[in-house]
């Protein structure tokens, strides 16, 4: 029998799923795009083992979908599930909050934001009041 896990809040449970250095960044990269394993590894600059472990855990949690492509040689792509897209919306707000807080602390540098801006992917790390209102409305609907 599997022992039931207890969490104090839903946020604590969500953070347990996202635990680890790379999972949130992977979710950001997969938002709206499928990526092959090699491209993700190159983009992140991490080892194959670390990436595989992180992706396996995100797939197991239902956040990411793994698609095997029927080509020669075989390729695998990863994309967000509908649940992963919902999580991405929540992460966007958390990212915005962190960026705002970091602006007032000279000891903090947000590496992801700067890299995303360099790549022209500003939409991944920037959130507007319109997005916030839409996000809040979606939560109220559920």
N, C-alpha and C. Protein backbone atom coordinates (compact mmCIF):
# COMPACT_ATOMS: atom_id res chain seq x y z
N UNK A 1 0.84 -1.18 0.00
CA UNK A 1 0.00 0.00 0.00
C UNK A 1 0.90 1.25 0.00
N UNK A 2 0.54 2.24 -0.82
CA UNK A 2 1.29 3.48 -0.91
C UNK A 2 0.85 4.41 0.21
N UNK A 3 1.84 4.95 0.92
CA UNK A 3 1.54 5.87 2.02
C UNK A 3 1.08 7.22 1.47
N UNK A 4 0.01 7.75 2.01
CA UNK A 4 -0.51 9.05 1.57
C UNK A 4 0.42 10.16 2.03
N UNK A 5 0.72 11.08 1.11
CA UNK A 5 1.55 12.22 1.45
C UNK A 5 0.67 13.36 1.96
N UNK A 6 1.15 14.06 2.97
CA UNK A 6 0.40 15.17 3.55
C UNK A 6 1.14 16.47 3.29
N UNK A 7 0.39 17.49 2.87
CA UNK A 7 0.94 18.82 2.64
C UNK A 7 0.09 19.83 3.37
N UNK A 8 0.70 20.90 3.84
CA UNK A 8 -0.03 21.94 4.55
C UNK A 8 -0.88 22.78 3.60
N UNK A 9 -0.40 23.02 2.41
CA UNK A 9 -1.12 23.85 1.44
C UNK A 9 -0.95 23.28 0.04
N UNK A 10 -1.82 23.73 -0.85
CA UNK A 10 -1.68 23.36 -2.25
C UNK A 10 -0.38 23.90 -2.84
N UNK A 11 0.03 25.08 -2.38
CA UNK A 11 1.29 25.67 -2.85
C UNK A 11 2.47 24.79 -2.47
N UNK A 12 2.44 24.26 -1.27
CA UNK A 12 3.53 23.37 -0.83
C UNK A 12 3.60 22.13 -1.73
N UNK A 13 2.44 21.58 -2.06
CA UNK A 13 2.40 20.42 -2.95
C UNK A 13 2.93 20.77 -4.34
N UNK A 14 2.49 21.92 -4.87
CA UNK A 14 2.96 22.36 -6.19
C UNK A 14 4.46 22.55 -6.20
N UNK A 15 5.00 23.15 -5.15
CA UNK A 15 6.44 23.37 -5.08
C UNK A 15 7.21 22.06 -4.95
N UNK A 16 6.58 21.05 -4.35
CA UNK A 16 7.26 19.74 -4.26
C UNK A 16 7.39 19.12 -5.66
N UNK A 17 6.42 19.37 -6.52
CA UNK A 17 6.48 18.86 -7.90
C UNK A 17 7.55 19.61 -8.69
N UNK A 18 7.68 20.90 -8.43
CA UNK A 18 8.64 21.73 -9.16
C UNK A 18 10.02 21.77 -8.53
N UNK A 19 10.21 21.02 -7.45
CA UNK A 19 11.48 21.02 -6.75
C UNK A 19 12.63 20.68 -7.68
N UNK A 20 13.74 21.32 -7.48
CA UNK A 20 14.91 21.10 -8.33
C UNK A 20 15.24 22.36 -9.09
N UNK A 21 16.48 22.46 -9.47
CA UNK A 21 16.98 23.68 -10.11
C UNK A 21 16.41 23.91 -11.51
N UNK A 22 16.09 22.86 -12.25
CA UNK A 22 15.80 23.01 -13.66
C UNK A 22 14.34 22.90 -14.06
N UNK A 23 13.48 22.39 -13.20
CA UNK A 23 12.11 22.10 -13.62
C UNK A 23 11.34 23.35 -14.04
N UNK A 24 11.42 24.42 -13.28
CA UNK A 24 10.69 25.64 -13.66
C UNK A 24 11.21 26.19 -14.98
N UNK A 25 12.52 26.15 -15.19
CA UNK A 25 13.10 26.64 -16.44
C UNK A 25 12.63 25.77 -17.61
N UNK A 26 12.56 24.47 -17.40
CA UNK A 26 12.08 23.56 -18.45
C UNK A 26 10.63 23.89 -18.80
N UNK A 27 9.81 24.13 -17.79
CA UNK A 27 8.40 24.48 -18.03
C UNK A 27 8.33 25.77 -18.85
N UNK A 28 9.14 26.77 -18.50
CA UNK A 28 9.16 28.02 -19.26
C UNK A 28 9.54 27.76 -20.72
N UNK A 29 10.57 26.96 -20.95
CA UNK A 29 11.02 26.70 -22.31
C UNK A 29 9.98 25.93 -23.13
N UNK A 30 9.26 25.03 -22.49
CA UNK A 30 8.28 24.21 -23.20
C UNK A 30 6.96 24.94 -23.46
N UNK A 31 6.77 26.09 -22.84
CA UNK A 31 5.51 26.83 -23.00
C UNK A 31 5.32 27.22 -24.47
N UNK A 32 4.34 26.61 -25.09
CA UNK A 32 4.02 26.93 -26.48
C UNK A 32 4.92 26.31 -27.51
N UNK A 33 5.90 25.50 -27.09
CA UNK A 33 6.86 24.92 -28.03
C UNK A 33 7.18 23.48 -27.64
N UNK A 34 7.33 22.64 -28.64
CA UNK A 34 7.90 21.31 -28.41
C UNK A 34 9.40 21.41 -28.61
N UNK A 35 10.14 20.68 -27.81
CA UNK A 35 11.60 20.67 -27.92
C UNK A 35 12.09 19.24 -27.97
N UNK A 36 13.10 19.01 -28.80
CA UNK A 36 13.79 17.72 -28.78
C UNK A 36 14.78 17.73 -27.64
N UNK A 37 15.11 16.55 -27.17
CA UNK A 37 15.99 16.40 -26.01
C UNK A 37 17.32 17.11 -26.22
N UNK A 38 17.95 16.90 -27.36
CA UNK A 38 19.25 17.50 -27.62
C UNK A 38 19.20 19.02 -27.61
N UNK A 39 18.14 19.59 -28.19
CA UNK A 39 18.00 21.05 -28.21
C UNK A 39 17.80 21.60 -26.81
N UNK A 40 17.01 20.90 -26.00
CA UNK A 40 16.82 21.33 -24.60
C UNK A 40 18.14 21.28 -23.85
N UNK A 41 18.88 20.20 -24.03
CA UNK A 41 20.15 20.05 -23.34
C UNK A 41 21.12 21.17 -23.73
N UNK A 42 21.18 21.46 -25.02
CA UNK A 42 22.06 22.52 -25.50
C UNK A 42 21.63 23.88 -24.95
N UNK A 43 20.33 24.15 -24.96
CA UNK A 43 19.81 25.42 -24.47
C UNK A 43 20.11 25.62 -22.99
N UNK A 44 19.93 24.56 -22.20
CA UNK A 44 20.11 24.66 -20.76
C UNK A 44 21.56 24.52 -20.33
N UNK A 45 22.36 23.81 -21.13
CA UNK A 45 23.76 23.60 -20.76
C UNK A 45 23.92 22.66 -19.58
N UNK A 46 23.06 21.65 -19.50
CA UNK A 46 23.14 20.68 -18.41
C UNK A 46 23.43 19.30 -18.98
N UNK A 47 23.79 18.38 -18.10
CA UNK A 47 24.12 17.03 -18.56
C UNK A 47 22.87 16.29 -19.01
N UNK A 48 23.08 15.29 -19.85
CA UNK A 48 21.98 14.45 -20.33
C UNK A 48 21.26 13.77 -19.17
N UNK A 49 22.02 13.30 -18.18
CA UNK A 49 21.42 12.61 -17.04
C UNK A 49 20.52 13.54 -16.24
N UNK A 50 21.00 14.75 -15.94
CA UNK A 50 20.20 15.71 -15.17
C UNK A 50 18.92 16.04 -15.94
N UNK A 51 19.05 16.33 -17.24
CA UNK A 51 17.88 16.66 -18.05
C UNK A 51 16.90 15.48 -18.08
N UNK A 52 17.41 14.28 -18.31
CA UNK A 52 16.54 13.11 -18.35
C UNK A 52 15.79 12.90 -17.04
N UNK A 53 16.49 13.06 -15.93
CA UNK A 53 15.85 12.91 -14.61
C UNK A 53 14.75 13.94 -14.42
N UNK A 54 15.04 15.20 -14.75
CA UNK A 54 14.05 16.27 -14.57
C UNK A 54 12.84 16.04 -15.48
N UNK A 55 13.07 15.69 -16.74
CA UNK A 55 11.97 15.43 -17.66
C UNK A 55 11.14 14.23 -17.22
N UNK A 56 11.81 13.18 -16.77
CA UNK A 56 11.09 11.98 -16.31
C UNK A 56 10.15 12.33 -15.16
N UNK A 57 10.63 13.14 -14.22
CA UNK A 57 9.79 13.53 -13.08
C UNK A 57 8.63 14.42 -13.52
N UNK A 58 8.86 15.32 -14.47
CA UNK A 58 7.79 16.18 -14.96
C UNK A 58 6.76 15.38 -15.76
N UNK A 59 7.21 14.38 -16.52
CA UNK A 59 6.28 13.50 -17.24
C UNK A 59 5.46 12.70 -16.24
N UNK A 60 6.11 12.17 -15.22
CA UNK A 60 5.43 11.38 -14.20
C UNK A 60 4.37 12.20 -13.46
N UNK A 61 4.64 13.50 -13.28
CA UNK A 61 3.70 14.38 -12.58
C UNK A 61 2.57 14.86 -13.49
N UNK A 62 2.63 14.53 -14.78
CA UNK A 62 1.58 14.94 -15.71
C UNK A 62 1.74 16.37 -16.22
N UNK A 63 2.91 16.97 -16.03
CA UNK A 63 3.17 18.34 -16.44
C UNK A 63 3.68 18.39 -17.88
N UNK A 64 4.47 17.39 -18.25
CA UNK A 64 5.11 17.34 -19.57
C UNK A 64 4.71 16.04 -20.26
N UNK A 65 4.56 16.12 -21.58
CA UNK A 65 4.26 14.94 -22.38
C UNK A 65 5.49 14.60 -23.23
N UNK A 66 5.80 13.32 -23.29
CA UNK A 66 6.92 12.82 -24.11
C UNK A 66 6.33 12.20 -25.36
N UNK A 67 6.80 12.68 -26.53
CA UNK A 67 6.30 12.16 -27.80
C UNK A 67 7.46 11.54 -28.58
N UNK A 68 7.30 10.26 -28.93
CA UNK A 68 8.28 9.58 -29.78
C UNK A 68 7.86 9.79 -31.22
N UNK A 69 8.77 10.30 -32.04
CA UNK A 69 8.47 10.56 -33.44
C UNK A 69 8.91 9.37 -34.29
N UNK A 70 8.04 8.89 -35.18
CA UNK A 70 8.36 7.72 -36.00
C UNK A 70 9.23 8.09 -37.20
N UNK A 71 10.47 8.47 -36.93
CA UNK A 71 11.41 8.81 -37.97
C UNK A 71 12.70 8.04 -37.76
N UNK A 72 13.55 8.03 -38.77
CA UNK A 72 14.85 7.36 -38.65
C UNK A 72 15.93 8.43 -38.78
N UNK A 73 16.80 8.58 -37.82
CA UNK A 73 16.80 7.91 -36.53
C UNK A 73 15.67 8.43 -35.63
N UNK A 74 15.28 7.65 -34.63
CA UNK A 74 14.17 8.05 -33.77
C UNK A 74 14.46 9.36 -33.03
N UNK A 75 13.41 10.16 -32.88
CA UNK A 75 13.51 11.41 -32.13
C UNK A 75 12.43 11.44 -31.07
N UNK A 76 12.73 12.14 -30.00
CA UNK A 76 11.77 12.34 -28.92
C UNK A 76 11.60 13.84 -28.73
N UNK A 77 10.35 14.27 -28.59
CA UNK A 77 10.05 15.66 -28.30
C UNK A 77 9.27 15.74 -27.00
N UNK A 78 9.41 16.87 -26.33
CA UNK A 78 8.69 17.12 -25.09
C UNK A 78 7.87 18.39 -25.25
N UNK A 79 6.66 18.38 -24.67
CA UNK A 79 5.80 19.57 -24.68
C UNK A 79 4.98 19.56 -23.38
N UNK A 80 4.39 20.70 -23.08
CA UNK A 80 3.56 20.80 -21.88
C UNK A 80 2.20 20.15 -22.14
N UNK A 81 1.68 19.52 -21.12
CA UNK A 81 0.30 19.03 -21.15
C UNK A 81 -0.61 20.21 -20.82
N UNK A 82 -1.91 20.02 -20.87
CA UNK A 82 -2.85 21.08 -20.48
C UNK A 82 -2.59 21.48 -19.03
N UNK A 83 -2.32 20.50 -18.18
CA UNK A 83 -2.00 20.78 -16.78
C UNK A 83 -0.70 21.57 -16.67
N UNK A 84 0.26 21.25 -17.53
CA UNK A 84 1.52 21.98 -17.56
C UNK A 84 1.32 23.43 -17.99
N UNK A 85 0.41 23.66 -18.94
CA UNK A 85 0.10 25.03 -19.37
C UNK A 85 -0.51 25.83 -18.22
N UNK A 86 -1.38 25.18 -17.43
CA UNK A 86 -1.94 25.84 -16.24
C UNK A 86 -0.84 26.20 -15.26
N UNK A 87 0.08 25.28 -15.05
CA UNK A 87 1.20 25.54 -14.15
C UNK A 87 2.06 26.68 -14.68
N UNK A 88 2.27 26.72 -15.99
CA UNK A 88 3.04 27.79 -16.60
C UNK A 88 2.42 29.16 -16.30
N UNK A 89 1.09 29.25 -16.36
CA UNK A 89 0.42 30.51 -16.06
C UNK A 89 0.72 30.95 -14.62
N UNK A 90 0.69 30.01 -13.70
CA UNK A 90 1.00 30.33 -12.30
C UNK A 90 2.47 30.72 -12.15
N UNK A 91 3.34 30.04 -12.87
CA UNK A 91 4.78 30.36 -12.81
C UNK A 91 5.08 31.74 -13.37
N UNK A 92 4.32 32.14 -14.37
CA UNK A 92 4.52 33.49 -14.92
C UNK A 92 4.31 34.54 -13.85
N UNK A 93 3.25 34.38 -13.04
CA UNK A 93 3.02 35.36 -11.98
C UNK A 93 4.13 35.29 -10.93
N UNK A 94 4.51 34.10 -10.55
CA UNK A 94 5.58 33.92 -9.57
C UNK A 94 6.88 34.53 -10.10
N UNK A 95 7.14 34.35 -11.39
CA UNK A 95 8.32 34.93 -12.02
C UNK A 95 8.27 36.46 -11.96
N UNK A 96 7.11 37.01 -12.27
CA UNK A 96 6.93 38.47 -12.21
C UNK A 96 7.20 38.98 -10.80
N UNK A 97 6.64 38.30 -9.82
CA UNK A 97 6.83 38.68 -8.42
C UNK A 97 8.31 38.66 -8.06
N UNK A 98 9.01 37.60 -8.47
CA UNK A 98 10.43 37.48 -8.18
C UNK A 98 11.26 38.56 -8.87
N UNK A 99 10.91 38.87 -10.13
CA UNK A 99 11.64 39.92 -10.85
C UNK A 99 11.46 41.28 -10.17
N UNK A 100 10.23 41.56 -9.74
CA UNK A 100 9.97 42.84 -9.06
C UNK A 100 10.74 42.92 -7.75
N UNK A 101 10.75 41.85 -6.99
CA UNK A 101 11.47 41.83 -5.71
C UNK A 101 12.98 41.96 -5.95
N UNK A 102 13.49 41.30 -6.97
CA UNK A 102 14.93 41.32 -7.25
C UNK A 102 15.42 42.71 -7.65
N UNK A 103 14.55 43.51 -8.25
CA UNK A 103 14.94 44.87 -8.65
C UNK A 103 15.38 45.71 -7.46
N UNK A 104 14.91 45.36 -6.28
CA UNK A 104 15.21 46.14 -5.07
C UNK A 104 16.33 45.52 -4.24
N UNK A 105 16.95 44.49 -4.77
CA UNK A 105 18.03 43.82 -4.04
C UNK A 105 19.27 43.73 -4.94
N UNK A 106 20.27 44.58 -4.71
CA UNK A 106 21.46 44.57 -5.58
C UNK A 106 22.27 43.27 -5.50
N UNK A 107 21.99 42.43 -4.52
CA UNK A 107 22.70 41.16 -4.38
C UNK A 107 22.09 40.05 -5.23
N UNK A 108 20.96 40.34 -5.89
CA UNK A 108 20.25 39.32 -6.66
C UNK A 108 20.29 39.64 -8.15
N UNK A 109 20.60 38.62 -8.94
CA UNK A 109 20.59 38.74 -10.40
C UNK A 109 19.72 37.60 -10.93
N UNK A 110 18.76 37.94 -11.76
CA UNK A 110 17.88 36.93 -12.34
C UNK A 110 18.45 36.52 -13.69
N UNK A 111 19.13 35.42 -13.72
CA UNK A 111 19.84 34.95 -14.90
C UNK A 111 18.90 34.59 -16.05
N UNK A 112 17.82 33.89 -15.74
CA UNK A 112 16.89 33.43 -16.77
C UNK A 112 16.32 34.61 -17.55
N UNK A 113 15.92 35.63 -16.85
CA UNK A 113 15.30 36.78 -17.50
C UNK A 113 16.25 37.40 -18.50
N UNK A 114 17.49 37.62 -18.10
CA UNK A 114 18.46 38.22 -19.00
C UNK A 114 18.70 37.34 -20.22
N UNK A 115 18.82 36.04 -20.03
CA UNK A 115 19.04 35.12 -21.15
C UNK A 115 17.83 35.11 -22.08
N UNK A 116 16.63 35.09 -21.53
CA UNK A 116 15.42 35.08 -22.36
C UNK A 116 15.34 36.36 -23.19
N UNK A 117 15.67 37.49 -22.58
CA UNK A 117 15.65 38.75 -23.32
C UNK A 117 16.68 38.73 -24.46
N UNK A 118 17.85 38.17 -24.19
CA UNK A 118 18.89 38.05 -25.23
C UNK A 118 18.38 37.23 -26.42
N UNK A 119 17.61 36.19 -26.12
CA UNK A 119 17.10 35.31 -27.16
C UNK A 119 15.85 35.85 -27.85
N UNK A 120 15.36 37.00 -27.37
CA UNK A 120 14.15 37.56 -27.95
C UNK A 120 12.89 36.87 -27.48
N UNK A 121 12.95 36.20 -26.34
CA UNK A 121 11.80 35.48 -25.81
C UNK A 121 11.20 36.24 -24.64
N UNK A 122 11.05 37.54 -24.80
CA UNK A 122 10.58 38.39 -23.70
C UNK A 122 9.25 37.92 -23.11
N UNK A 123 8.36 37.39 -23.93
CA UNK A 123 7.04 36.99 -23.45
C UNK A 123 7.09 35.90 -22.40
N UNK A 124 8.17 35.15 -22.33
CA UNK A 124 8.26 34.08 -21.34
C UNK A 124 8.47 34.61 -19.93
N UNK A 125 9.13 35.74 -19.82
CA UNK A 125 9.49 36.23 -18.49
C UNK A 125 8.80 37.53 -18.13
N UNK A 126 7.95 38.04 -18.98
CA UNK A 126 7.28 39.30 -18.70
C UNK A 126 5.79 39.05 -18.62
N UNK A 127 5.14 39.64 -17.64
CA UNK A 127 3.70 39.48 -17.50
C UNK A 127 3.08 40.86 -17.36
N UNK A 128 1.92 41.04 -17.93
CA UNK A 128 1.25 42.33 -17.86
C UNK A 128 0.02 42.22 -16.95
N UNK A 129 -0.53 43.35 -16.60
CA UNK A 129 -1.75 43.33 -15.77
C UNK A 129 -2.88 42.61 -16.49
N UNK A 130 -2.93 42.72 -17.82
CA UNK A 130 -3.97 42.03 -18.58
C UNK A 130 -3.84 40.51 -18.39
N UNK A 131 -2.60 40.00 -18.45
CA UNK A 131 -2.38 38.57 -18.24
C UNK A 131 -2.79 38.17 -16.83
N UNK A 132 -2.45 39.01 -15.85
CA UNK A 132 -2.81 38.70 -14.47
C UNK A 132 -4.32 38.60 -14.31
N UNK A 133 -5.04 39.56 -14.88
CA UNK A 133 -6.50 39.53 -14.77
C UNK A 133 -7.08 38.30 -15.44
N UNK A 134 -6.56 37.94 -16.62
CA UNK A 134 -7.01 36.75 -17.31
C UNK A 134 -6.74 35.51 -16.47
N UNK A 135 -5.54 35.44 -15.89
CA UNK A 135 -5.14 34.30 -15.06
C UNK A 135 -6.07 34.17 -13.86
N UNK A 136 -6.36 35.28 -13.19
CA UNK A 136 -7.26 35.26 -12.02
C UNK A 136 -8.66 34.80 -12.42
N UNK A 137 -9.15 35.25 -13.58
CA UNK A 137 -10.47 34.85 -14.04
C UNK A 137 -10.52 33.36 -14.32
N UNK A 138 -9.45 32.79 -14.88
CA UNK A 138 -9.41 31.36 -15.16
C UNK A 138 -9.51 30.54 -13.87
N UNK A 139 -8.85 31.01 -12.82
CA UNK A 139 -8.90 30.30 -11.54
C UNK A 139 -10.31 30.35 -10.97
N UNK A 140 -10.96 31.51 -11.07
CA UNK A 140 -12.31 31.65 -10.54
C UNK A 140 -13.27 30.72 -11.28
N UNK A 141 -13.08 30.53 -12.61
CA UNK A 141 -13.95 29.65 -13.40
C UNK A 141 -13.87 28.21 -12.92
N UNK A 142 -12.66 27.79 -12.49
CA UNK A 142 -12.47 26.40 -12.07
C UNK A 142 -12.97 26.24 -10.70
